[in-house]
Protein backbone atom coordinates (compact mmCIF):
# COMPACT_ATOMS: atom_id res chain seq x y z
CA UNK A 1 1.36 37.38 86.43
CA UNK A 2 1.66 40.14 89.00
CA UNK A 3 4.91 39.62 90.94
CA UNK A 4 4.77 42.83 92.95
CA UNK A 5 2.92 41.18 95.83
CA UNK A 6 5.45 38.39 96.27
CA UNK A 7 8.35 40.50 97.49
CA UNK A 8 9.10 41.48 101.08
CA UNK A 9 8.79 45.23 101.34
CA UNK A 10 11.10 47.50 103.30
CA UNK A 11 8.78 47.55 106.31
CA UNK A 12 8.65 43.74 106.37
CA UNK A 13 12.43 43.53 106.10
CA UNK A 14 12.89 45.96 108.98
CA UNK A 15 10.43 43.99 111.12
CA UNK A 16 12.21 40.70 110.34
CA UNK A 17 15.54 42.35 111.11
CA UNK A 18 14.29 43.68 114.45
CA UNK A 19 12.78 40.32 115.43
CA UNK A 20 16.11 38.61 114.75
CA UNK A 21 18.07 41.28 116.65
CA UNK A 22 15.75 41.03 119.68
CA UNK A 23 16.02 37.23 119.71
CA UNK A 24 19.78 37.48 119.30
CA UNK A 25 20.12 39.87 122.27
CA UNK A 26 17.75 37.89 124.48
CA UNK A 27 18.77 34.30 123.77
CA UNK A 28 20.98 33.59 120.78
CA UNK A 29 23.92 35.86 121.71
CA UNK A 30 24.64 34.19 125.02
CA UNK A 31 24.14 30.73 123.54
CA UNK A 32 26.53 31.47 120.65
CA UNK A 33 29.05 32.83 123.15
CA UNK A 34 28.85 29.63 125.21
CA UNK A 35 29.21 27.42 122.12
CA UNK A 36 32.18 29.46 120.84
CA UNK A 37 33.90 29.37 124.23
CA UNK A 38 33.35 25.61 124.49
CA UNK A 39 34.79 25.08 121.00
CA UNK A 40 37.90 27.11 121.83
CA UNK A 41 38.56 25.47 125.21
CA UNK A 42 37.77 21.81 124.43
CA UNK A 43 39.07 21.39 120.87
CA UNK A 44 42.54 21.77 119.43
CA UNK A 45 41.77 24.60 117.02
CA UNK A 46 44.24 26.52 114.90
CA UNK A 47 44.63 30.26 115.44
CA UNK A 48 42.22 31.26 112.67
CA UNK A 49 39.53 28.83 113.82
CA UNK A 50 39.89 29.91 117.46
CA UNK A 51 39.69 33.59 116.42
CA UNK A 52 36.52 32.89 114.42
CA UNK A 53 34.79 30.99 117.24
CA UNK A 54 35.89 33.48 119.92
CA UNK A 55 34.38 36.37 117.89
CA UNK A 56 31.36 34.57 116.46
CA UNK A 57 28.82 37.19 117.59
CA UNK A 58 30.87 39.92 115.89
CA UNK A 59 30.95 38.01 112.61
CA UNK A 60 27.20 37.41 112.79
CA UNK A 61 26.61 41.15 113.28
CA UNK A 62 28.78 41.90 110.22
CA UNK A 63 26.80 39.35 108.18
CA UNK A 64 23.50 40.91 109.30
CA UNK A 65 24.74 44.35 108.28
CA UNK A 66 25.95 43.10 104.89
CA UNK A 67 22.68 41.23 104.37
CA UNK A 68 20.65 44.36 105.01
CA UNK A 69 22.85 46.38 102.65
CA UNK A 70 22.46 43.68 100.01
CA UNK A 71 18.70 43.63 100.48
CA UNK A 72 18.50 47.39 100.12
CA UNK A 73 20.64 47.30 96.98
CA UNK A 74 18.90 44.41 95.21
CA UNK A 75 15.34 45.30 96.29
CA UNK A 76 15.40 48.75 94.75
CA UNK A 77 13.42 47.45 91.80
CA UNK A 78 15.65 48.91 89.12
């Protein structure tokens, strides 16, 4: 069976990445900021939890970057 047509190519990955980034800048970023701020102000969180929720957009950006690096590494085809 030919499996070469079942993998997302680099162009498709870049397009998916850009679609997510555009949606994140337009809508998801502000919504995540509101949710994180609400979690910090209304719940009794510990310092680590409050730090995570206050910087949730930053952690998502790091995960996106690591995901793209992982995709580039594992999709080399070697």
